[in-house]
């Protein structure tokens, strides 16, 4: 599930913003929101993400809009199977999950004469280690997983579904409940990604660190509403002989927006809608992100 990079070739063709290489992280910004660091109890769950991302702005190394005539539309539908077992490890519930993304990407770049669309299987996430702790006022989550380069990728094509490299992802976060009834809650979920060299080009993207935030309130058993945010930083430089740009420029961006969650008790299903607007972007696209997800308890 890439975030929704469309390759070095795009920016090189655009010419005047060669620094914005778009080597962005695998993890999709804002996929989780309110109580993102609270894992479910033992059981089997299917979480189905539907993500709509649109952008018409490309920010350069100084945060200025690059005049390339960008129009990017991405739709991702991602089933994620989660299994939390009865087994304990370090006092936590032990689980695992797998996410299989399918993406449709529409890209126009007027300055480069690009107008293309593509649909296909993205890069699959496998997390064999998922740990969840539940305390009186706290939930804590930790995980380790790998993004596999299963999606189609070519360094010579301005649009592709996969990223062409492996990523190890490490997750740690917590949710704090302000009151005894656990209605008010604040969550922060951090992830660190470290990447391999790309499959057909000598380029290793730098590591990324990002945090998903959520401040909300529950109303009865059915409703949860609040404000969500996302912060992303590239923390190490790209490397390799193909990194012919200024690798000291690290991309970053932030996003903010509301979320509403409804739990349909008879069907044991959660429905959530979350919108986030990105801002403060450096060396990457800047746009709007909408996530509609369904979580079924089996």
C-alpha atoms as a PDB file:
ATOM      1  CA  UNK A   1       0.000   0.000   0.000  1.00  0.00           C
ATOM      2  CA  UNK A   2       2.345   2.801  -1.136  1.00  0.00           C
ATOM      3  CA  UNK A   3       1.916   6.383  -0.076  1.00  0.00           C
ATOM      4  CA  UNK A   4       1.332   7.018  -3.191  1.00  0.00           C
ATOM      5  CA  UNK A   5       4.644   7.478  -4.898  1.00  0.00           C
ATOM      6  CA  UNK A   6       4.918   7.513  -8.628  1.00  0.00           C
ATOM      7  CA  UNK A   7       8.636   7.208  -9.109  1.00  0.00           C
ATOM      8  CA  UNK A   8      11.766   9.118  -9.837  1.00  0.00           C
ATOM      9  CA  UNK A   9      10.957   9.276 -13.522  1.00  0.00           C
ATOM     10  CA  UNK A  10       7.986  11.570 -12.928  1.00  0.00           C
ATOM     11  CA  UNK A  11      10.006  14.336 -11.344  1.00  0.00           C
ATOM     12  CA  UNK A  12      12.980  13.971 -13.650  1.00  0.00           C
ATOM     13  CA  UNK A  13      10.643  14.414 -16.589  1.00  0.00           C
ATOM     14  CA  UNK A  14       9.161  17.484 -14.950  1.00  0.00           C
ATOM     15  CA  UNK A  15      12.685  18.867 -14.917  1.00  0.00           C
ATOM     16  CA  UNK A  16      12.552  21.937 -12.707  1.00  0.00           C
ATOM     17  CA  UNK A  17      11.930  20.163  -9.409  1.00  0.00           C
ATOM     18  CA  UNK A  18      14.396  17.299  -9.584  1.00  0.00           C
ATOM     19  CA  UNK A  19      14.894  17.363  -5.828  1.00  0.00           C
ATOM     20  CA  UNK A  20      11.378  16.082  -5.137  1.00  0.00           C
ATOM     21  CA  UNK A  21      12.106  12.423  -5.754  1.00  0.00           C
ATOM     22  CA  UNK A  22       8.971  11.038  -4.095  1.00  0.00           C
ATOM     23  CA  UNK A  23      10.747   8.138  -2.390  1.00  0.00           C
ATOM     24  CA  UNK A  24       7.987   8.035   0.199  1.00  0.00           C
ATOM     25  CA  UNK A  25       7.299   5.398   2.836  1.00  0.00           C
ATOM     26  CA  UNK A  26       5.285   2.216   2.385  1.00  0.00           C
ATOM     27  CA  UNK A  27       2.870   2.914   5.218  1.00  0.00           C
ATOM     28  CA  UNK A  28      -0.197   4.899   4.084  1.00  0.00           C
ATOM     29  CA  UNK A  29      -0.594   8.088   6.104  1.00  0.00           C
ATOM     30  CA  UNK A  30      -3.646   8.141   8.322  1.00  0.00           C
ATOM     31  CA  UNK A  31      -4.716   4.527   7.822  1.00  0.00           C
ATOM     32  CA  UNK A  32      -5.435   4.387  11.560  1.00  0.00           C
ATOM     33  CA  UNK A  33      -7.039   7.100  13.649  1.00  0.00           C
ATOM     34  CA  UNK A  34      -8.908   7.249  16.958  1.00  0.00           C
ATOM     35  CA  UNK A  35      -7.587   4.676  19.450  1.00  0.00           C
ATOM     36  CA  UNK A  36      -5.099   3.535  16.811  1.00  0.00           C
ATOM     37  CA  UNK A  37      -2.854   2.066  19.519  1.00  0.00           C
ATOM     38  CA  UNK A  38      -5.643  -0.038  21.091  1.00  0.00           C
ATOM     39  CA  UNK A  39      -5.583  -3.619  19.838  1.00  0.00           C
ATOM     40  CA  UNK A  40      -8.668  -5.847  20.111  1.00  0.00           C
ATOM     41  CA  UNK A  41      -8.985  -8.797  22.526  1.00  0.00           C
ATOM     42  CA  UNK A  42      -8.313 -12.382  21.370  1.00  0.00           C
ATOM     43  CA  UNK A  43     -10.337 -13.238  18.284  1.00  0.00           C
ATOM     44  CA  UNK A  44     -10.393 -13.035  14.486  1.00  0.00           C
ATOM     45  CA  UNK A  45     -11.051  -9.737  12.712  1.00  0.00           C
ATOM     46  CA  UNK A  46     -11.311  -8.502   9.147  1.00  0.00           C
ATOM     47  CA  UNK A  47     -10.529  -4.818   8.701  1.00  0.00           C
ATOM     48  CA  UNK A  48     -11.243  -3.438   5.235  1.00  0.00           C
ATOM     49  CA  UNK A  49      -9.695  -0.063   4.405  1.00  0.00           C
ATOM     50  CA  UNK A  50     -10.901   2.049   1.485  1.00  0.00           C
ATOM     51  CA  UNK A  51      -8.609   5.017   0.929  1.00  0.00           C
ATOM     52  CA  UNK A  52      -9.157   7.924  -1.460  1.00  0.00           C
ATOM     53  CA  UNK A  53      -6.196  10.252  -1.922  1.00  0.00           C
ATOM     54  CA  UNK A  54      -6.193  13.315  -4.186  1.00  0.00           C
ATOM     55  CA  UNK A  55      -3.472  15.900  -4.777  1.00  0.00           C
ATOM     56  CA  UNK A  56      -2.807  18.745  -7.181  1.00  0.00           C
ATOM     57  CA  UNK A  57       0.230  20.233  -5.424  1.00  0.00           C
ATOM     58  CA  UNK A  58       3.853  19.115  -5.483  1.00  0.00           C
ATOM     59  CA  UNK A  59       6.057  20.823  -2.889  1.00  0.00           C
ATOM     60  CA  UNK A  60       9.768  21.321  -3.529  1.00  0.00           C
ATOM     61  CA  UNK A  61      12.638  21.284  -1.011  1.00  0.00           C
ATOM     62  CA  UNK A  62      11.595  24.707   0.282  1.00  0.00           C
ATOM     63  CA  UNK A  63       7.904  23.877   0.585  1.00  0.00           C
ATOM     64  CA  UNK A  64       6.974  25.927  -2.482  1.00  0.00           C
ATOM     65  CA  UNK A  65       4.429  24.642  -4.979  1.00  0.00           C
ATOM     66  CA  UNK A  66       6.143  23.382  -8.131  1.00  0.00           C
ATOM     67  CA  UNK A  67       4.396  24.502 -11.367  1.00  0.00           C
ATOM     68  CA  UNK A  68       4.174  21.061 -12.980  1.00  0.00           C
ATOM     69  CA  UNK A  69       0.386  20.785 -13.482  1.00  0.00           C
ATOM     70  CA  UNK A  70      -0.062  17.813 -11.160  1.00  0.00           C
ATOM     71  CA  UNK A  71      -3.352  15.923 -10.847  1.00  0.00           C
ATOM     72  CA  UNK A  72      -3.099  12.711  -8.808  1.00  0.00           C
ATOM     73  CA  UNK A  73      -6.001  10.459  -7.793  1.00  0.00           C
ATOM     74  CA  UNK A  74      -5.452   7.205  -5.911  1.00  0.00           C
ATOM     75  CA  UNK A  75      -7.966   4.652  -4.667  1.00  0.00           C
ATOM     76  CA  UNK A  76      -6.787   1.787  -2.478  1.00  0.00           C
ATOM     77  CA  UNK A  77      -8.915  -1.046  -1.149  1.00  0.00           C
ATOM     78  CA  UNK A  78      -7.086  -3.110   1.444  1.00  0.00           C
ATOM     79  CA  UNK A  79      -8.424  -6.178   3.263  1.00  0.00           C
ATOM     80  CA  UNK A  80      -6.451  -6.892   6.438  1.00  0.00           C
ATOM     81  CA  UNK A  81      -6.891 -10.143   8.354  1.00  0.00           C
ATOM     82  CA  UNK A  82      -6.034  -9.888  12.065  1.00  0.00           C
ATOM     83  CA  UNK A  83      -5.702 -12.807  14.475  1.00  0.00           C
ATOM     84  CA  UNK A  84      -5.234 -12.129  18.186  1.00  0.00           C
ATOM     85  CA  UNK A  85      -4.544 -15.370  20.036  1.00  0.00           C
ATOM     86  CA  UNK A  86      -5.052 -16.476  23.643  1.00  0.00           C
ATOM     87  CA  UNK A  87      -1.299 -16.829  24.049  1.00  0.00           C
ATOM     88  CA  UNK A  88       0.697 -14.345  26.112  1.00  0.00           C
ATOM     89  CA  UNK A  89       4.139 -12.898  25.409  1.00  0.00           C
ATOM     90  CA  UNK A  90       5.727 -10.441  27.836  1.00  0.00           C
ATOM     91  CA  UNK A  91       2.307 -10.153  29.436  1.00  0.00           C
ATOM     92  CA  UNK A  92       0.662  -9.063  26.183  1.00  0.00           C
ATOM     93  CA  UNK A  93      -1.904 -10.696  23.925  1.00  0.00           C
ATOM     94  CA  UNK A  94      -0.007 -12.141  20.949  1.00  0.00           C
ATOM     95  CA  UNK A  95      -1.307 -11.788  17.421  1.00  0.00           C
ATOM     96  CA  UNK A  96      -0.450 -11.465  13.731  1.00  0.00           C
ATOM     97  CA  UNK A  97      -1.921  -9.899  10.606  1.00  0.00           C
ATOM     98  CA  UNK A  98      -1.610  -9.577   6.844  1.00  0.00           C
ATOM     99  CA  UNK A  99      -2.799  -6.729   4.579  1.00  0.00           C
ATOM    100  CA  UNK A 100      -3.235  -7.162   0.808  1.00  0.00           C
ATOM    101  CA  UNK A 101      -3.693  -3.839  -1.039  1.00  0.00           C
ATOM    102  CA  UNK A 102      -5.182  -3.215  -4.456  1.00  0.00           C
ATOM    103  CA  UNK A 103      -4.676   0.233  -5.965  1.00  0.00           C
ATOM    104  CA  UNK A 104      -5.896   2.323  -8.856  1.00  0.00           C
ATOM    105  CA  UNK A 105      -3.699   5.308  -9.719  1.00  0.00           C
ATOM    106  CA  UNK A 106      -4.579   8.138 -12.140  1.00  0.00           C
ATOM    107  CA  UNK A 107      -1.748  10.563 -12.793  1.00  0.00           C
ATOM    108  CA  UNK A 108      -1.439  13.697 -14.906  1.00  0.00           C
ATOM    109  CA  UNK A 109       1.635  15.920 -15.047  1.00  0.00           C
ATOM    110  CA  UNK A 110       1.143  18.628 -17.648  1.00  0.00           C
ATOM    111  CA  UNK A 111       4.781  19.765 -17.602  1.00  0.00           C
ATOM    112  CA  UNK A 112       5.941  16.266 -18.535  1.00  0.00           C
ATOM    113  CA  UNK A 113       3.078  15.326 -20.864  1.00  0.00           C
ATOM    114  CA  UNK A 114       2.096  12.444 -18.575  1.00  0.00           C
ATOM    115  CA  UNK A 115      -1.481  11.153 -18.484  1.00  0.00           C
ATOM    116  CA  UNK A 116      -1.637   7.554 -17.280  1.00  0.00           C
ATOM    117  CA  UNK A 117      -3.720   5.178 -15.186  1.00  0.00           C
ATOM    118  CA  UNK A 118      -2.895   1.846 -13.609  1.00  0.00           C
ATOM    119  CA  UNK A 119      -4.595  -0.768 -11.415  1.00  0.00           C
ATOM    120  CA  UNK A 120      -3.100  -3.752  -9.654  1.00  0.00           C
ATOM    121  CA  UNK A 121      -1.890  -5.555  -6.579  1.00  0.00           C
ATOM    122  CA  UNK A 122       0.262  -3.410  -4.304  1.00  0.00           C
ATOM    123  CA  UNK A 123       2.992  -4.344  -1.842  1.00  0.00           C
ATOM    124  CA  UNK A 124       1.743  -6.793   0.797  1.00  0.00           C
ATOM    125  CA  UNK A 125       2.287  -6.213   4.530  1.00  0.00           C
ATOM    126  CA  UNK A 126       2.977  -9.216   6.793  1.00  0.00           C
ATOM    127  CA  UNK A 127       3.176  -8.670  10.559  1.00  0.00           C
ATOM    128  CA  UNK A 128       4.068 -11.941  12.351  1.00  0.00           C
ATOM    129  CA  UNK A 129       4.507 -10.174  15.692  1.00  0.00           C
ATOM    130  CA  UNK A 130       1.684  -8.094  17.153  1.00  0.00           C
ATOM    131  CA  UNK A 131       1.462  -7.440  20.911  1.00  0.00           C
ATOM    132  CA  UNK A 132      -1.345  -5.761  22.838  1.00  0.00           C
ATOM    133  CA  UNK A 133      -1.393  -4.807  26.514  1.00  0.00           C
ATOM    134  CA  UNK A 134      -4.513  -3.629  28.353  1.00  0.00           C
ATOM    135  CA  UNK A 135      -4.241  -1.798  31.677  1.00  0.00           C
ATOM    136  CA  UNK A 136      -6.728   0.132  33.819  1.00  0.00           C
ATOM    137  CA  UNK A 137      -6.158   3.479  32.087  1.00  0.00           C
ATOM    138  CA  UNK A 138      -3.822   2.459  29.260  1.00  0.00           C
ATOM    139  CA  UNK A 139      -3.670   0.325  26.134  1.00  0.00           C
ATOM    140  CA  UNK A 140      -0.238  -0.340  24.627  1.00  0.00           C
ATOM    141  CA  UNK A 141       0.570  -1.842  21.212  1.00  0.00           C
ATOM    142  CA  UNK A 142       3.783  -3.064  19.584  1.00  0.00           C
ATOM    143  CA  UNK A 143       4.425  -4.845  16.290  1.00  0.00           C
ATOM    144  CA  UNK A 144       7.095  -5.841  13.779  1.00  0.00           C
ATOM    145  CA  UNK A 145       6.464  -6.610  10.132  1.00  0.00           C
ATOM    146  CA  UNK A 146       7.701  -6.427   6.562  1.00  0.00           C
ATOM    147  CA  UNK A 147       6.377  -4.840   3.376  1.00  0.00           C
ATOM    148  CA  UNK A 148       7.019  -7.223   0.460  1.00  0.00           C
ATOM    149  CA  UNK A 149       7.639  -5.848  -3.087  1.00  0.00           C
ATOM    150  CA  UNK A 150       4.729  -7.735  -4.662  1.00  0.00           C
ATOM    151  CA  UNK A 151       3.365  -4.773  -6.627  1.00  0.00           C
ATOM    152  CA  UNK A 152       4.372  -3.976 -10.193  1.00  0.00           C
ATOM    153  CA  UNK A 153       7.381  -1.649 -10.347  1.00  0.00           C
ATOM    154  CA  UNK A 154       9.649  -0.225 -13.049  1.00  0.00           C
ATOM    155  CA  UNK A 155      12.089   2.622 -12.510  1.00  0.00           C
ATOM    156  CA  UNK A 156      11.556   3.729 -16.125  1.00  0.00           C
ATOM    157  CA  UNK A 157       7.781   4.106 -15.785  1.00  0.00           C
ATOM    158  CA  UNK A 158       6.345   7.298 -14.233  1.00  0.00           C
ATOM    159  CA  UNK A 159       3.462   5.358 -12.679  1.00  0.00           C
ATOM    160  CA  UNK A 160       3.613   2.074 -10.799  1.00  0.00           C
ATOM    161  CA  UNK A 161       1.667   0.272  -8.085  1.00  0.00           C
ATOM    162  CA  UNK A 162       4.553  -1.228  -6.116  1.00  0.00           C
ATOM    163  CA  UNK A 163       7.646   0.469  -4.729  1.00  0.00           C
ATOM    164  CA  UNK A 164      10.288  -2.033  -5.766  1.00  0.00           C
ATOM    165  CA  UNK A 165      11.923  -2.455  -2.354  1.00  0.00           C
ATOM    166  CA  UNK A 166      11.482  -4.285   0.952  1.00  0.00           C
ATOM    167  CA  UNK A 167      10.641  -2.395   4.134  1.00  0.00           C
ATOM    168  CA  UNK A 168      10.942  -3.477   7.744  1.00  0.00           C
ATOM    169  CA  UNK A 169       8.354  -1.706   9.904  1.00  0.00           C
ATOM    170  CA  UNK A 170       8.410  -1.443  13.702  1.00  0.00           C
ATOM    171  CA  UNK A 171       5.417  -0.105  15.634  1.00  0.00           C
ATOM    172  CA  UNK A 172       4.924   1.156  19.194  1.00  0.00           C
ATOM    173  CA  UNK A 173       2.090   3.220  20.637  1.00  0.00           C
ATOM    174  CA  UNK A 174      -0.341   3.790  23.493  1.00  0.00           C
ATOM    175  CA  UNK A 175      -3.865   4.975  24.227  1.00  0.00           C
ATOM    176  CA  UNK A 176      -4.601   6.824  27.473  1.00  0.00           C
ATOM    177  CA  UNK A 177      -8.116   7.040  28.938  1.00  0.00           C
ATOM    178  CA  UNK A 178      -8.789  10.207  30.921  1.00  0.00           C
ATOM    179  CA  UNK A 179     -11.803   8.963  32.877  1.00  0.00           C
ATOM    180  CA  UNK A 180     -12.872   5.801  34.662  1.00  0.00           C
ATOM    181  CA  UNK A 181     -15.507   4.964  32.042  1.00  0.00           C
ATOM    182  CA  UNK A 182     -12.900   5.279  29.264  1.00  0.00           C
ATOM    183  CA  UNK A 183     -14.945   7.757  27.253  1.00  0.00           C
ATOM    184  CA  UNK A 184     -12.234  10.399  26.672  1.00  0.00           C
ATOM    185  CA  UNK A 185      -9.061   9.038  25.086  1.00  0.00           C
ATOM    186  CA  UNK A 186      -5.767  10.174  23.545  1.00  0.00           C
ATOM    187  CA  UNK A 187      -3.778   7.870  21.276  1.00  0.00           C
ATOM    188  CA  UNK A 188      -0.353   8.027  19.645  1.00  0.00           C
ATOM    189  CA  UNK A 189       0.968   5.282  17.350  1.00  0.00           C
ATOM    190  CA  UNK A 190       4.550   5.540  16.101  1.00  0.00           C
ATOM    191  CA  UNK A 191       6.095   3.573  13.239  1.00  0.00           C
ATOM    192  CA  UNK A 192       9.683   3.353  12.020  1.00  0.00           C
ATOM    193  CA  UNK A 193      10.414   2.076   8.503  1.00  0.00           C
ATOM    194  CA  UNK A 194      13.806   1.000   7.169  1.00  0.00           C
ATOM    195  CA  UNK A 195      14.147   0.178   3.472  1.00  0.00           C
ATOM    196  CA  UNK A 196      16.190  -2.034   1.168  1.00  0.00           C
ATOM    197  CA  UNK A 197      17.720  -1.062  -2.186  1.00  0.00           C
ATOM    198  CA  UNK A 198      15.274  -0.966  -5.090  1.00  0.00           C
ATOM    199  CA  UNK A 199      15.058  -4.051  -7.287  1.00  0.00           C
ATOM    200  CA  UNK A 200      16.211  -2.601 -10.628  1.00  0.00           C
ATOM    201  CA  UNK A 201      18.105   0.549  -9.675  1.00  0.00           C
ATOM    202  CA  UNK A 202      20.899   1.336  -7.203  1.00  0.00           C
ATOM    203  CA  UNK A 203      18.825   3.491  -4.892  1.00  0.00           C
ATOM    204  CA  UNK A 204      18.031   2.877  -1.243  1.00  0.00           C
ATOM    205  CA  UNK A 205      15.322   5.182   0.151  1.00  0.00           C
ATOM    206  CA  UNK A 206      16.003   6.713   3.548  1.00  0.00           C
ATOM    207  CA  UNK A 207      14.282   5.584   6.729  1.00  0.00           C
ATOM    208  CA  UNK A 208      10.975   7.144   7.810  1.00  0.00           C
ATOM    209  CA  UNK A 209       9.342   7.853  11.167  1.00  0.00           C
ATOM    210  CA  UNK A 210       5.700   8.757  11.552  1.00  0.00           C
ATOM    211  CA  UNK A 211       3.072   9.060  14.264  1.00  0.00           C
ATOM    212  CA  UNK A 212      -0.711   8.794  14.046  1.00  0.00           C
ATOM    213  CA  UNK A 213      -2.635  10.749  16.672  1.00  0.00           C
ATOM    214  CA  UNK A 214      -6.225  10.644  17.879  1.00  0.00           C
ATOM    215  CA  UNK A 215      -8.160  12.598  20.519  1.00  0.00           C
ATOM    216  CA  UNK A 216     -11.764  11.542  20.919  1.00  0.00           C
ATOM    217  CA  UNK A 217     -14.811  10.760  23.004  1.00  0.00           C
ATOM    218  CA  UNK A 218     -17.089   7.738  23.036  1.00  0.00           C
ATOM    219  CA  UNK A 219     -20.864   8.090  23.390  1.00  0.00           C
ATOM    220  CA  UNK A 220     -22.413   4.902  24.720  1.00  0.00           C
ATOM    221  CA  UNK A 221     -21.495   1.642  23.010  1.00  0.00           C
ATOM    222  CA  UNK A 222     -22.092   2.856  19.475  1.00  0.00           C
ATOM    223  CA  UNK A 223     -20.372   6.161  18.710  1.00  0.00           C
ATOM    224  CA  UNK A 224     -16.844   7.521  18.882  1.00  0.00           C
ATOM    225  CA  UNK A 225     -15.915  10.936  17.448  1.00  0.00           C
ATOM    226  CA  UNK A 226     -12.828  13.080  17.545  1.00  0.00           C
ATOM    227  CA  UNK A 227      -9.857  14.721  15.881  1.00  0.00           C
ATOM    228  CA  UNK A 228      -7.044  12.804  14.190  1.00  0.00           C
ATOM    229  CA  UNK A 229      -3.606  13.853  12.993  1.00  0.00           C
ATOM    230  CA  UNK A 230      -0.544  12.433  11.284  1.00  0.00           C
ATOM    231  CA  UNK A 231       3.105  13.498  11.355  1.00  0.00           C
ATOM    232  CA  UNK A 232       5.761  12.137   9.002  1.00  0.00           C
ATOM    233  CA  UNK A 233       9.508  12.688   8.719  1.00  0.00           C
ATOM    234  CA  UNK A 234      12.209  11.110   6.588  1.00  0.00           C
ATOM    235  CA  UNK A 235      15.023  10.634   9.117  1.00  0.00           C
ATOM    236  CA  UNK A 236      17.933   9.277   7.039  1.00  0.00           C
ATOM    237  CA  UNK A 237      19.146  10.154   3.549  1.00  0.00           C
ATOM    238  CA  UNK A 238      18.574   8.228   0.340  1.00  0.00           C
ATOM    239  CA  UNK A 239      21.710   6.436  -0.866  1.00  0.00           C
ATOM    240  CA  UNK A 240      23.117   4.645  -3.917  1.00  0.00           C
ATOM    241  CA  UNK A 241      24.657   5.565  -7.254  1.00  0.00           C
ATOM    242  CA  UNK A 242      21.214   6.496  -8.649  1.00  0.00           C
ATOM    243  CA  UNK A 243      20.726   9.172  -5.979  1.00  0.00           C
ATOM    244  CA  UNK A 244      21.832  11.976  -8.304  1.00  0.00           C
ATOM    245  CA  UNK A 245      19.976  14.649  -6.354  1.00  0.00           C
ATOM    246  CA  UNK A 246      20.616  16.421  -3.058  1.00  0.00           C
ATOM    247  CA  UNK A 247      20.072  13.592  -0.568  1.00  0.00           C
ATOM    248  CA  UNK A 248      20.283  15.987   2.376  1.00  0.00           C
ATOM    249  CA  UNK A 249      16.722  17.085   1.558  1.00  0.00           C
ATOM    250  CA  UNK A 250      14.336  14.944   3.629  1.00  0.00           C
ATOM    251  CA  UNK A 251      10.616  14.865   2.949  1.00  0.00           C
ATOM    252  CA  UNK A 252       8.045  15.608   5.637  1.00  0.00           C
ATOM    253  CA  UNK A 253       4.391  16.523   5.983  1.00  0.00           C
ATOM    254  CA  UNK A 254       1.551  16.782   8.483  1.00  0.00           C
ATOM    255  CA  UNK A 255      -2.200  16.222   8.321  1.00  0.00           C
ATOM    256  CA  UNK A 256      -5.264  16.921  10.449  1.00  0.00           C
ATOM    257  CA  UNK A 257      -8.949  16.078  10.322  1.00  0.00           C
ATOM    258  CA  UNK A 258     -12.076  14.586  11.956  1.00  0.00           C
ATOM    259  CA  UNK A 259     -13.205  10.995  12.381  1.00  0.00           C
ATOM    260  CA  UNK A 260     -16.544   9.357  13.188  1.00  0.00           C
ATOM    261  CA  UNK A 261     -16.851   5.703  14.249  1.00  0.00           C
ATOM    262  CA  UNK A 262     -20.093   3.717  14.583  1.00  0.00           C
ATOM    263  CA  UNK A 263     -20.370   0.224  16.080  1.00  0.00           C
ATOM    264  CA  UNK A 264     -23.292  -1.828  14.783  1.00  0.00           C
ATOM    265  CA  UNK A 265     -23.827  -4.202  17.714  1.00  0.00           C
ATOM    266  CA  UNK A 266     -26.092  -6.823  16.013  1.00  0.00           C
ATOM    267  CA  UNK A 267     -23.562  -7.328  13.194  1.00  0.00           C
ATOM    268  CA  UNK A 268     -20.438  -6.955  15.366  1.00  0.00           C
ATOM    269  CA  UNK A 269     -19.074  -4.449  12.866  1.00  0.00           C
ATOM    270  CA  UNK A 270     -17.345  -1.085  13.198  1.00  0.00           C
ATOM    271  CA  UNK A 271     -17.718   1.580  10.488  1.00  0.00           C
ATOM    272  CA  UNK A 272     -15.389   4.583  10.452  1.00  0.00           C
ATOM    273  CA  UNK A 273     -14.985   7.637   8.231  1.00  0.00           C
ATOM    274  CA  UNK A 274     -11.923   9.851   8.541  1.00  0.00           C
ATOM    275  CA  UNK A 275     -10.796  12.871   6.523  1.00  0.00           C
ATOM    276  CA  UNK A 276      -7.395  14.541   6.770  1.00  0.00           C
ATOM    277  CA  UNK A 277      -5.958  17.536   4.956  1.00  0.00           C
ATOM    278  CA  UNK A 278      -2.200  17.591   4.496  1.00  0.00           C
ATOM    279  CA  UNK A 279      -0.066  20.670   5.131  1.00  0.00           C
ATOM    280  CA  UNK A 280       3.551  21.678   5.684  1.00  0.00           C
ATOM    281  CA  UNK A 281       4.833  19.296   3.015  1.00  0.00           C
ATOM    282  CA  UNK A 282       8.469  19.330   1.922  1.00  0.00           C
ATOM    283  CA  UNK A 283       9.806  17.440  -1.122  1.00  0.00           C
ATOM    284  CA  UNK A 284       6.579  15.550  -1.869  1.00  0.00           C
ATOM    285  CA  UNK A 285       2.948  15.844  -2.951  1.00  0.00           C
ATOM    286  CA  UNK A 286       0.390  17.514  -0.674  1.00  0.00           C
ATOM    287  CA  UNK A 287      -3.286  16.654  -0.808  1.00  0.00           C
ATOM    288  CA  UNK A 288      -6.417  15.261   0.835  1.00  0.00           C
ATOM    289  CA  UNK A 289      -6.912  11.823   2.366  1.00  0.00           C
ATOM    290  CA  UNK A 290     -10.220  10.081   3.106  1.00  0.00           C
ATOM    291  CA  UNK A 291     -10.358   6.665   4.778  1.00  0.00           C
ATOM    292  CA  UNK A 292     -13.538   4.606   5.052  1.00  0.00           C
ATOM    293  CA  UNK A 293     -12.991   1.377   6.948  1.00  0.00           C
ATOM    294  CA  UNK A 294     -15.062  -1.563   8.107  1.00  0.00           C
ATOM    295  CA  UNK A 295     -14.012  -3.932  10.896  1.00  0.00           C
ATOM    296  CA  UNK A 296     -15.883  -7.215  11.275  1.00  0.00           C
ATOM    297  CA  UNK A 297     -15.581  -9.306  14.456  1.00  0.00           C
ATOM    298  CA  UNK A 298     -15.887 -13.055  13.829  1.00  0.00           C
END
